[in-house]
Amino acid sequence: MNIGKTVANETWKTINHGSHVFKAGSAADFHTGDWRSNKPVWNEAKCKQCLLCVPVCPDVSIPVNADGKISGFDYDYCKGCLICVKACPFGAIESEDA
């Protein structure tokens, strides 16, 4: 690839290639929850610890502790999709504006 000189109609040769992965990454490396517009709020009194919300969370934002229970959300990664609100049969997760 000739990146140094550009000739008419050959400008495309100076453009960097897209879709190249330069190193492996993980969502754990980036706190992406700060752009959410909705926020799930956990109500401990209503929660029956059925854990139905955990597997539906696409961002793994509902951590399960060593006792096999949830204790809230990891808002560093939660995108506010509110799938957990729909999954909870007990109304223990509600939505609020972020």
PDB file of N, CA and C in Angstrom:
ATOM      1  N   MET A   1       0.832  -1.178   0.000  1.00  0.00           N
ATOM      2  CA  MET A   1       0.000   0.000   0.000  1.00  0.00           C
ATOM      3  C   MET A   1       0.875   1.237   0.000  1.00  0.00           C
ATOM      4  N   ASN A   2       0.602   2.165  -0.894  1.00  0.00           N
ATOM      5  CA  ASN A   2       1.356   3.407  -1.002  1.00  0.00           C
ATOM      6  C   ASN A   2       0.634   4.482  -0.201  1.00  0.00           C
ATOM      7  N   ILE A   3       1.133   4.791   0.983  1.00  0.00           N
ATOM      8  CA  ILE A   3       0.486   5.771   1.840  1.00  0.00           C
ATOM      9  C   ILE A   3       1.094   7.155   1.641  1.00  0.00           C
ATOM     10  N   GLY A   4       2.284   7.242   1.147  1.00  0.00           N
ATOM     11  CA  GLY A   4       2.994   8.518   1.032  1.00  0.00           C
ATOM     12  C   GLY A   4       2.367   9.502   0.063  1.00  0.00           C
ATOM     13  N   LYS A   5       2.186   9.141  -1.198  1.00  0.00           N
ATOM     14  CA  LYS A   5       1.695  10.059  -2.223  1.00  0.00           C
ATOM     15  C   LYS A   5       0.253   9.720  -2.585  1.00  0.00           C
ATOM     16  N   THR A   6      -0.503  10.759  -2.867  1.00  0.00           N
ATOM     17  CA  THR A   6      -1.855  10.544  -3.375  1.00  0.00           C
ATOM     18  C   THR A   6      -1.959  11.164  -4.753  1.00  0.00           C
ATOM     19  N   VAL A   7      -2.474  10.382  -5.643  1.00  0.00           N
ATOM     20  CA  VAL A   7      -2.681  10.833  -7.011  1.00  0.00           C
ATOM     21  C   VAL A   7      -4.196  10.956  -7.177  1.00  0.00           C
ATOM     22  N   ALA A   8      -4.630  11.827  -8.085  1.00  0.00           N
ATOM     23  CA  ALA A   8      -6.062  12.000  -8.321  1.00  0.00           C
ATOM     24  C   ALA A   8      -6.740  10.646  -8.482  1.00  0.00           C
ATOM     25  N   ASN A   9      -7.873  10.490  -7.868  1.00  0.00           N
ATOM     26  CA  ASN A   9      -8.674   9.261  -7.902  1.00  0.00           C
ATOM     27  C   ASN A   9      -8.014   8.090  -7.176  1.00  0.00           C
ATOM     28  N   GLU A  10      -6.955   8.317  -6.438  1.00  0.00           N
ATOM     29  CA  GLU A  10      -6.329   7.249  -5.671  1.00  0.00           C
ATOM     30  C   GLU A  10      -6.255   7.599  -4.187  1.00  0.00           C
ATOM     31  N   THR A  11      -7.100   8.541  -3.757  1.00  0.00           N
ATOM     32  CA  THR A  11      -7.114   8.960  -2.366  1.00  0.00           C
ATOM     33  C   THR A  11      -7.441   7.794  -1.441  1.00  0.00           C
ATOM     34  N   TRP A  12      -8.234   6.858  -1.918  1.00  0.00           N
ATOM     35  CA  TRP A  12      -8.622   5.713  -1.107  1.00  0.00           C
ATOM     36  C   TRP A  12      -7.422   4.921  -0.609  1.00  0.00           C
ATOM     37  N   LYS A  13      -6.299   5.006  -1.277  1.00  0.00           N
ATOM     38  CA  LYS A  13      -5.112   4.260  -0.868  1.00  0.00           C
ATOM     39  C   LYS A  13      -4.510   4.792   0.429  1.00  0.00           C
ATOM     40  N   THR A  14      -4.833   6.019   0.801  1.00  0.00           N
ATOM     41  CA  THR A  14      -4.275   6.599   2.026  1.00  0.00           C
ATOM     42  C   THR A  14      -5.159   6.377   3.243  1.00  0.00           C
ATOM     43  N   ILE A  15      -6.317   5.803   3.043  1.00  0.00           N
ATOM     44  CA  ILE A  15      -7.252   5.590   4.149  1.00  0.00           C
ATOM     45  C   ILE A  15      -6.879   4.303   4.885  1.00  0.00           C
ATOM     46  N   ASN A  16      -6.890   4.377   6.204  1.00  0.00           N
ATOM     47  CA  ASN A  16      -6.601   3.188   7.010  1.00  0.00           C
ATOM     48  C   ASN A  16      -7.685   2.136   6.800  1.00  0.00           C
ATOM     49  N   HIS A  17      -7.288   0.901   6.833  1.00  0.00           N
ATOM     50  CA  HIS A  17      -8.233  -0.202   6.708  1.00  0.00           C
ATOM     51  C   HIS A  17      -9.094  -0.281   7.958  1.00  0.00           C
ATOM     52  N   GLY A  18     -10.361  -0.557   7.761  1.00  0.00           N
ATOM     53  CA  GLY A  18     -11.274  -0.727   8.887  1.00  0.00           C
ATOM     54  C   GLY A  18     -11.406  -2.184   9.265  1.00  0.00           C
ATOM     55  N   SER A  19     -12.119  -2.440  10.313  1.00  0.00           N
ATOM     56  CA  SER A  19     -12.458  -3.772  10.820  1.00  0.00           C
ATOM     57  C   SER A  19     -11.250  -4.642  11.152  1.00  0.00           C
ATOM     58  N   HIS A  20     -10.159  -4.027  11.536  1.00  0.00           N
ATOM     59  CA  HIS A  20      -9.007  -4.783  12.001  1.00  0.00           C
ATOM     60  C   HIS A  20      -9.022  -4.809  13.523  1.00  0.00           C
ATOM     61  N   VAL A  21      -8.871  -5.960  14.089  1.00  0.00           N
ATOM     62  CA  VAL A  21      -8.797  -6.096  15.539  1.00  0.00           C
ATOM     63  C   VAL A  21      -7.322  -6.157  15.908  1.00  0.00           C
ATOM     64  N   PHE A  22      -6.863  -5.171  16.658  1.00  0.00           N
ATOM     65  CA  PHE A  22      -5.447  -5.077  16.977  1.00  0.00           C
ATOM     66  C   PHE A  22      -5.067  -5.814  18.244  1.00  0.00           C
ATOM     67  N   LYS A  23      -6.035  -5.987  19.161  1.00  0.00           N
ATOM     68  CA  LYS A  23      -5.786  -6.790  20.355  1.00  0.00           C
ATOM     69  C   LYS A  23      -7.117  -7.265  20.898  1.00  0.00           C
ATOM     70  N   ALA A  24      -7.076  -8.336  21.642  1.00  0.00           N
ATOM     71  CA  ALA A  24      -8.297  -8.870  22.246  1.00  0.00           C
ATOM     72  C   ALA A  24      -8.787  -7.917  23.316  1.00  0.00           C
ATOM     73  N   GLY A  25     -10.079  -7.862  23.487  1.00  0.00           N
ATOM     74  CA  GLY A  25     -10.649  -6.974  24.493  1.00  0.00           C
ATOM     75  C   GLY A  25     -11.796  -7.662  25.209  1.00  0.00           C
ATOM     76  N   SER A  26     -12.311  -6.982  26.162  1.00  0.00           N
ATOM     77  CA  SER A  26     -13.418  -7.505  26.945  1.00  0.00           C
ATOM     78  C   SER A  26     -14.242  -6.334  27.444  1.00  0.00           C
ATOM     79  N   ALA A  27     -15.537  -6.544  27.590  1.00  0.00           N
ATOM     80  CA  ALA A  27     -16.397  -5.496  28.137  1.00  0.00           C
ATOM     81  C   ALA A  27     -15.977  -5.147  29.557  1.00  0.00           C
ATOM     82  N   ALA A  28     -15.318  -6.072  30.235  1.00  0.00           N
ATOM     83  CA  ALA A  28     -14.852  -5.804  31.598  1.00  0.00           C
ATOM     84  C   ALA A  28     -13.799  -4.699  31.626  1.00  0.00           C
ATOM     85  N   ASP A  29     -13.173  -4.441  30.481  1.00  0.00           N
ATOM     86  CA  ASP A  29     -12.144  -3.406  30.402  1.00  0.00           C
ATOM     87  C   ASP A  29     -12.719  -1.988  30.320  1.00  0.00           C
ATOM     88  N   PHE A  30     -14.018  -1.880  30.039  1.00  0.00           N
ATOM     89  CA  PHE A  30     -14.620  -0.572  29.794  1.00  0.00           C
ATOM     90  C   PHE A  30     -15.882  -0.387  30.617  1.00  0.00           C
ATOM     91  N   HIS A  31     -15.965   0.693  31.357  1.00  0.00           N
ATOM     92  CA  HIS A  31     -17.181   1.027  32.093  1.00  0.00           C
ATOM     93  C   HIS A  31     -18.102   1.752  31.123  1.00  0.00           C
ATOM     94  N   THR A  32     -19.130   1.052  30.676  1.00  0.00           N
ATOM     95  CA  THR A  32     -19.991   1.578  29.625  1.00  0.00           C
ATOM     96  C   THR A  32     -21.381   1.952  30.117  1.00  0.00           C
ATOM     97  N   GLY A  33     -21.617   1.873  31.404  1.00  0.00           N
ATOM     98  CA  GLY A  33     -22.944   2.146  31.932  1.00  0.00           C
ATOM     99  C   GLY A  33     -23.293   3.603  32.086  1.00  0.00           C
ATOM    100  N   ASP A  34     -22.345   4.495  31.869  1.00  0.00           N
ATOM    101  CA  ASP A  34     -22.618   5.906  32.127  1.00  0.00           C
ATOM    102  C   ASP A  34     -23.473   6.582  31.061  1.00  0.00           C
ATOM    103  N   TRP A  35     -23.797   5.916  29.972  1.00  0.00           N
ATOM    104  CA  TRP A  35     -24.606   6.528  28.930  1.00  0.00           C
ATOM    105  C   TRP A  35     -26.047   6.057  28.943  1.00  0.00           C
ATOM    106  N   ARG A  36     -26.433   5.271  29.941  1.00  0.00           N
ATOM    107  CA  ARG A  36     -27.800   4.752  29.968  1.00  0.00           C
ATOM    108  C   ARG A  36     -28.795   5.876  30.277  1.00  0.00           C
ATOM    109  N   SER A  37     -30.017   5.752  29.745  1.00  0.00           N
ATOM    110  CA  SER A  37     -31.060   6.739  30.028  1.00  0.00           C
ATOM    111  C   SER A  37     -32.098   6.193  30.994  1.00  0.00           C
ATOM    112  N   ASN A  38     -32.118   4.876  31.165  1.00  0.00           N
ATOM    113  CA  ASN A  38     -32.996   4.235  32.148  1.00  0.00           C
ATOM    114  C   ASN A  38     -32.139   3.478  33.143  1.00  0.00           C
ATOM    115  N   LYS A  39     -32.636   3.372  34.358  1.00  0.00           N
ATOM    116  CA  LYS A  39     -31.856   2.711  35.405  1.00  0.00           C
ATOM    117  C   LYS A  39     -32.757   1.722  36.144  1.00  0.00           C
ATOM    118  N   PRO A  40     -32.375   0.453  36.175  1.00  0.00           N
ATOM    119  CA  PRO A  40     -33.136  -0.496  36.972  1.00  0.00           C
ATOM    120  C   PRO A  40     -32.808  -0.311  38.453  1.00  0.00           C
ATOM    121  N   VAL A  41     -33.828  -0.358  39.283  1.00  0.00           N
ATOM    122  CA  VAL A  41     -33.649  -0.198  40.724  1.00  0.00           C
ATOM    123  C   VAL A  41     -34.190  -1.446  41.407  1.00  0.00           C
ATOM    124  N   TRP A  42     -33.366  -2.056  42.229  1.00  0.00           N
ATOM    125  CA  TRP A  42     -33.698  -3.312  42.902  1.00  0.00           C
ATOM    126  C   TRP A  42     -34.350  -3.030  44.247  1.00  0.00           C
ATOM    127  N   ASN A  43     -35.495  -3.683  44.497  1.00  0.00           N
ATOM    128  CA  ASN A  43     -36.203  -3.572  45.766  1.00  0.00           C
ATOM    129  C   ASN A  43     -35.982  -4.869  46.540  1.00  0.00           C
ATOM    130  N   GLU A  44     -35.099  -4.818  47.519  1.00  0.00           N
ATOM    131  CA  GLU A  44     -34.720  -6.018  48.266  1.00  0.00           C
ATOM    132  C   GLU A  44     -35.903  -6.655  48.977  1.00  0.00           C
ATOM    133  N   ALA A  45     -36.844  -5.864  49.458  1.00  0.00           N
ATOM    134  CA  ALA A  45     -37.996  -6.400  50.195  1.00  0.00           C
ATOM    135  C   ALA A  45     -38.905  -7.247  49.305  1.00  0.00           C
ATOM    136  N   LYS A  46     -39.000  -6.911  48.025  1.00  0.00           N
ATOM    137  CA  LYS A  46     -39.848  -7.664  47.100  1.00  0.00           C
ATOM    138  C   LYS A  46     -39.131  -8.852  46.468  1.00  0.00           C
ATOM    139  N   CYS A  47     -37.814  -8.844  46.497  1.00  0.00           N
ATOM    140  CA  CYS A  47     -37.016  -9.865  45.811  1.00  0.00           C
ATOM    141  C   CYS A  47     -37.114 -11.214  46.507  1.00  0.00           C
ATOM    142  N   LYS A  48     -37.393 -12.259  45.745  1.00  0.00           N
ATOM    143  CA  LYS A  48     -37.475 -13.637  46.256  1.00  0.00           C
ATOM    144  C   LYS A  48     -36.213 -14.439  45.926  1.00  0.00           C
ATOM    145  N   GLN A  49     -35.215 -13.784  45.387  1.00  0.00           N
ATOM    146  CA  GLN A  49     -33.945 -14.416  45.007  1.00  0.00           C
ATOM    147  C   GLN A  49     -34.145 -15.598  44.050  1.00  0.00           C
ATOM    148  N   CYS A  50     -35.086 -15.441  43.117  1.00  0.00           N
ATOM    149  CA  CYS A  50     -35.317 -16.483  42.115  1.00  0.00           C
ATOM    150  C   CYS A  50     -34.220 -16.476  41.042  1.00  0.00           C
ATOM    151  N   LEU A  51     -33.513 -15.367  40.930  1.00  0.00           N
ATOM    152  CA  LEU A  51     -32.411 -15.177  39.987  1.00  0.00           C
ATOM    153  C   LEU A  51     -32.818 -15.240  38.514  1.00  0.00           C
ATOM    154  N   LEU A  52     -34.099 -15.068  38.219  1.00  0.00           N
ATOM    155  CA  LEU A  52     -34.535 -15.067  36.823  1.00  0.00           C
ATOM    156  C   LEU A  52     -33.992 -13.865  36.055  1.00  0.00           C
ATOM    157  N   CYS A  53     -33.631 -12.820  36.762  1.00  0.00           N
ATOM    158  CA  CYS A  53     -33.088 -11.619  36.116  1.00  0.00           C
ATOM    159  C   CYS A  53     -31.638 -11.803  35.665  1.00  0.00           C
ATOM    160  N   VAL A  54     -30.915 -12.652  36.340  1.00  0.00           N
ATOM    161  CA  VAL A  54     -29.476 -12.788  36.094  1.00  0.00           C
ATOM    162  C   VAL A  54     -29.149 -13.277  34.686  1.00  0.00           C
ATOM    163  N   PRO A  55     -29.719 -14.373  34.216  1.00  0.00           N
ATOM    164  CA  PRO A  55     -29.309 -14.851  32.888  1.00  0.00           C
ATOM    165  C   PRO A  55     -29.808 -14.003  31.721  1.00  0.00           C
ATOM    166  N   VAL A  56     -30.808 -13.148  31.932  1.00  0.00           N
ATOM    167  CA  VAL A  56     -31.316 -12.337  30.822  1.00  0.00           C
ATOM    168  C   VAL A  56     -30.557 -11.031  30.649  1.00  0.00           C
ATOM    169  N   CYS A  57     -29.727 -10.676  31.613  1.00  0.00           N
ATOM    170  CA  CYS A  57     -28.975  -9.423  31.524  1.00  0.00           C
ATOM    171  C   CYS A  57     -27.860  -9.568  30.491  1.00  0.00           C
ATOM    172  N   PRO A  58     -27.922  -8.799  29.399  1.00  0.00           N
ATOM    173  CA  PRO A  58     -26.907  -8.941  28.357  1.00  0.00           C
ATOM    174  C   PRO A  58     -25.546  -8.372  28.746  1.00  0.00           C
ATOM    175  N   ASP A  59     -25.489  -7.616  29.837  1.00  0.00           N
ATOM    176  CA  ASP A  59     -24.237  -6.987  30.242  1.00  0.00           C
ATOM    177  C   ASP A  59     -23.659  -7.569  31.523  1.00  0.00           C
ATOM    178  N   VAL A  60     -24.237  -8.647  32.020  1.00  0.00           N
ATOM    179  CA  VAL A  60     -23.802  -9.297  33.256  1.00  0.00           C
ATOM    180  C   VAL A  60     -23.676  -8.245  34.368  1.00  0.00           C
ATOM    181  N   SER A  61     -24.706  -7.424  34.500  1.00  0.00           N
ATOM    182  CA  SER A  61     -24.703  -6.321  35.467  1.00  0.00           C
ATOM    183  C   SER A  61     -25.407  -6.673  36.768  1.00  0.00           C
ATOM    184  N   ILE A  62     -25.841  -7.923  36.890  1.00  0.00           N
ATOM    185  CA  ILE A  62     -26.489  -8.363  38.125  1.00  0.00           C
ATOM    186  C   ILE A  62     -25.616  -9.459  38.725  1.00  0.00           C
ATOM    187  N   PRO A  63     -24.656  -9.065  39.538  1.00  0.00           N
ATOM    188  CA  PRO A  63     -23.732 -10.061  40.093  1.00  0.00           C
ATOM    189  C   PRO A  63     -24.403 -10.936  41.153  1.00  0.00           C
ATOM    190  N   VAL A  64     -23.966 -12.173  41.195  1.00  0.00           N
ATOM    191  CA  VAL A  64     -24.433 -13.125  42.206  1.00  0.00           C
ATOM    192  C   VAL A  64     -23.272 -13.353  43.166  1.00  0.00           C
ATOM    193  N   ASN A  65     -23.537 -13.182  44.467  1.00  0.00           N
ATOM    194  CA  ASN A  65     -22.458 -13.325  45.450  1.00  0.00           C
ATOM    195  C   ASN A  65     -22.184 -14.795  45.777  1.00  0.00           C
ATOM    196  N   ALA A  66     -21.274 -15.041  46.672  1.00  0.00           N
ATOM    197  CA  ALA A  66     -20.861 -16.405  47.037  1.00  0.00           C
ATOM    198  C   ALA A  66     -22.002 -17.207  47.652  1.00  0.00           C
ATOM    199  N   ASP A  67     -22.990 -16.515  48.213  1.00  0.00           N
ATOM    200  CA  ASP A  67     -24.144 -17.196  48.811  1.00  0.00           C
ATOM    201  C   ASP A  67     -25.227 -17.515  47.783  1.00  0.00           C
ATOM    202  N   GLY A  68     -24.985 -17.171  46.523  1.00  0.00           N
ATOM    203  CA  GLY A  68     -25.950 -17.439  45.467  1.00  0.00           C
ATOM    204  C   GLY A  68     -27.099 -16.441  45.443  1.00  0.00           C
ATOM    205  N   LYS A  69     -26.861 -15.236  45.934  1.00  0.00           N
ATOM    206  CA  LYS A  69     -27.903 -14.217  45.974  1.00  0.00           C
ATOM    207  C   LYS A  69     -27.433 -12.948  45.275  1.00  0.00           C
ATOM    208  N   ILE A  70     -28.407 -12.174  44.787  1.00  0.00           N
ATOM    209  CA  ILE A  70     -28.058 -10.876  44.223  1.00  0.00           C
ATOM    210  C   ILE A  70     -28.202  -9.820  45.310  1.00  0.00           C
ATOM    211  N   SER A  71     -27.482  -8.744  45.139  1.00  0.00           N
ATOM    212  CA  SER A  71     -27.570  -7.661  46.121  1.00  0.00           C
ATOM    213  C   SER A  71     -27.657  -6.302  45.438  1.00  0.00           C
ATOM    214  N   GLY A  72     -28.002  -6.307  44.165  1.00  0.00           N
ATOM    215  CA  GLY A  72     -28.138  -5.061  43.429  1.00  0.00           C
ATOM    216  C   GLY A  72     -27.550  -5.163  42.041  1.00  0.00           C
ATOM    217  N   PHE A  73     -27.197  -4.016  41.509  1.00  0.00           N
ATOM    218  CA  PHE A  73     -26.696  -3.933  40.139  1.00  0.00           C
ATOM    219  C   PHE A  73     -25.281  -3.385  40.104  1.00  0.00           C
ATOM    220  N   ASP A  74     -24.562  -3.746  39.081  1.00  0.00           N
ATOM    221  CA  ASP A  74     -23.262  -3.162  38.813  1.00  0.00           C
ATOM    222  C   ASP A  74     -23.488  -2.104  37.739  1.00  0.00           C
ATOM    223  N   TYR A  75     -23.729  -0.870  38.183  1.00  0.00           N
ATOM    224  CA  TYR A  75     -24.082   0.211  37.270  1.00  0.00           C
ATOM    225  C   TYR A  75     -22.918   0.656  36.386  1.00  0.00           C
ATOM    226  N   ASP A  76     -21.723   0.180  36.654  1.00  0.00           N
ATOM    227  CA  ASP A  76     -20.598   0.501  35.769  1.00  0.00           C
ATOM    228  C   ASP A  76     -20.803  -0.094  34.376  1.00  0.00           C
ATOM    229  N   TYR A  77     -21.576  -1.176  34.299  1.00  0.00           N
ATOM    230  CA  TYR A  77     -21.765  -1.867  33.034  1.00  0.00           C
ATOM    231  C   TYR A  77     -23.213  -1.894  32.546  1.00  0.00           C
ATOM    232  N   CYS A  78     -24.171  -1.621  33.406  1.00  0.00           N
ATOM    233  CA  CYS A  78     -25.595  -1.669  33.053  1.00  0.00           C
ATOM    234  C   CYS A  78     -25.909  -0.606  32.001  1.00  0.00           C
ATOM    235  N   LYS A  79     -26.531  -1.025  30.895  1.00  0.00           N
ATOM    236  CA  LYS A  79     -26.879  -0.112  29.810  1.00  0.00           C
ATOM    237  C   LYS A  79     -28.305   0.418  29.933  1.00  0.00           C
ATOM    238  N   GLY A  80     -29.070  -0.094  30.892  1.00  0.00           N
ATOM    239  CA  GLY A  80     -30.435   0.380  31.089  1.00  0.00           C
ATOM    240  C   GLY A  80     -31.433  -0.194  30.112  1.00  0.00           C
ATOM    241  N   CYS A  81     -31.207  -1.395  29.622  1.00  0.00           N
ATOM    242  CA  CYS A  81     -32.130  -2.010  28.659  1.00  0.00           C
ATOM    243  C   CYS A  81     -33.444  -2.427  29.310  1.00  0.00           C
ATOM    244  N   LEU A  82     -33.422  -2.635  30.621  1.00  0.00           N
ATOM    245  CA  LEU A  82     -34.597  -2.977  31.429  1.00  0.00           C
ATOM    246  C   LEU A  82     -35.194  -4.345  31.134  1.00  0.00           C
ATOM    247  N   ILE A  83     -34.426  -5.223  30.528  1.00  0.00           N
ATOM    248  CA  ILE A  83     -34.888  -6.596  30.326  1.00  0.00           C
ATOM    249  C   ILE A  83     -35.140  -7.247  31.680  1.00  0.00           C
ATOM    250  N   CYS A  84     -34.330  -6.910  32.666  1.00  0.00           N
ATOM    251  CA  CYS A  84     -34.488  -7.467  34.008  1.00  0.00           C
ATOM    252  C   CYS A  84     -35.831  -7.079  34.627  1.00  0.00           C
ATOM    253  N   VAL A  85     -36.317  -5.885  34.322  1.00  0.00           N
ATOM    254  CA  VAL A  85     -37.613  -5.429  34.838  1.00  0.00           C
ATOM    255  C   VAL A  85     -38.713  -6.342  34.312  1.00  0.00           C
ATOM    256  N   LYS A  86     -38.647  -6.664  33.033  1.00  0.00           N
ATOM    257  CA  LYS A  86     -39.646  -7.547  32.420  1.00  0.00           C
ATOM    258  C   LYS A  86     -39.525  -8.983  32.928  1.00  0.00           C
ATOM    259  N   ALA A  87     -38.312  -9.408  33.245  1.00  0.00           N
ATOM    260  CA  ALA A  87     -38.082 -10.793  33.662  1.00  0.00           C
ATOM    261  C   ALA A  87     -38.502 -11.064  35.102  1.00  0.00           C
ATOM    262  N   CYS A  88     -38.536 -10.046  35.933  1.00  0.00           N
ATOM    263  CA  CYS A  88     -38.831 -10.243  37.353  1.00  0.00           C
ATOM    264  C   CYS A  88     -40.333 -10.443  37.576  1.00  0.00           C
ATOM    265  N   PRO A  89     -40.735 -11.641  38.026  1.00  0.00           N
ATOM    266  CA  PRO A  89     -42.161 -11.907  38.236  1.00  0.00           C
ATOM    267  C   PRO A  89     -42.712 -11.295  39.529  1.00  0.00           C
ATOM    268  N   PHE A  90     -41.857 -10.750  40.361  1.00  0.00           N
ATOM    269  CA  PHE A  90     -42.288 -10.235  41.664  1.00  0.00           C
ATOM    270  C   PHE A  90     -42.283  -8.708  41.732  1.00  0.00           C
ATOM    271  N   GLY A  91     -41.931  -8.048  40.653  1.00  0.00           N
ATOM    272  CA  GLY A  91     -41.889  -6.583  40.646  1.00  0.00           C
ATOM    273  C   GLY A  91     -40.805  -6.015  41.528  1.00  0.00           C
ATOM    274  N   ALA A  92     -39.738  -6.780  41.724  1.00  0.00           N
ATOM    275  CA  ALA A  92     -38.648  -6.343  42.606  1.00  0.00           C
ATOM    276  C   ALA A  92     -37.646  -5.437  41.888  1.00  0.00           C
ATOM    277  N   ILE A  93     -37.788  -5.299  40.586  1.00  0.00           N
ATOM    278  CA  ILE A  93     -36.927  -4.398  39.818  1.00  0.00           C
ATOM    279  C   ILE A  93     -37.824  -3.417  39.091  1.00  0.00           C
ATOM    280  N   GLU A  94     -37.591  -2.155  39.334  1.00  0.00           N
ATOM    281  CA  GLU A  94     -38.394  -1.114  38.698  1.00  0.00           C
ATOM    282  C   GLU A  94     -37.464  -0.187  37.915  1.00  0.00           C
ATOM    283  N   SER A  95     -38.054   0.591  37.041  1.00  0.00           N
ATOM    284  CA  SER A  95     -37.297   1.500  36.197  1.00  0.00           C
ATOM    285  C   SER A  95     -37.385   2.918  36.726  1.00  0.00           C
ATOM    286  N   GLU A  96     -36.268   3.628  36.640  1.00  0.00           N
ATOM    287  CA  GLU A  96     -36.292   5.063  36.893  1.00  0.00           C
ATOM    288  C   GLU A  96     -35.379   5.729  35.884  1.00  0.00           C
ATOM    289  N   ASP A  97     -35.586   7.017  35.675  1.00  0.00           N
ATOM    290  CA  ASP A  97     -34.714   7.755  34.762  1.00  0.00           C
ATOM    291  C   ASP A  97     -33.317   7.848  35.363  1.00  0.00           C
ATOM    292  N   ALA A  98     -32.325   7.665  34.520  1.00  0.00           N
ATOM    293  CA  ALA A  98     -30.938   7.677  35.016  1.00  0.00           C
ATOM    294  C   ALA A  98     -30.446   9.049  35.321  1.00  0.00           C
TER     295      ALA A  98
END
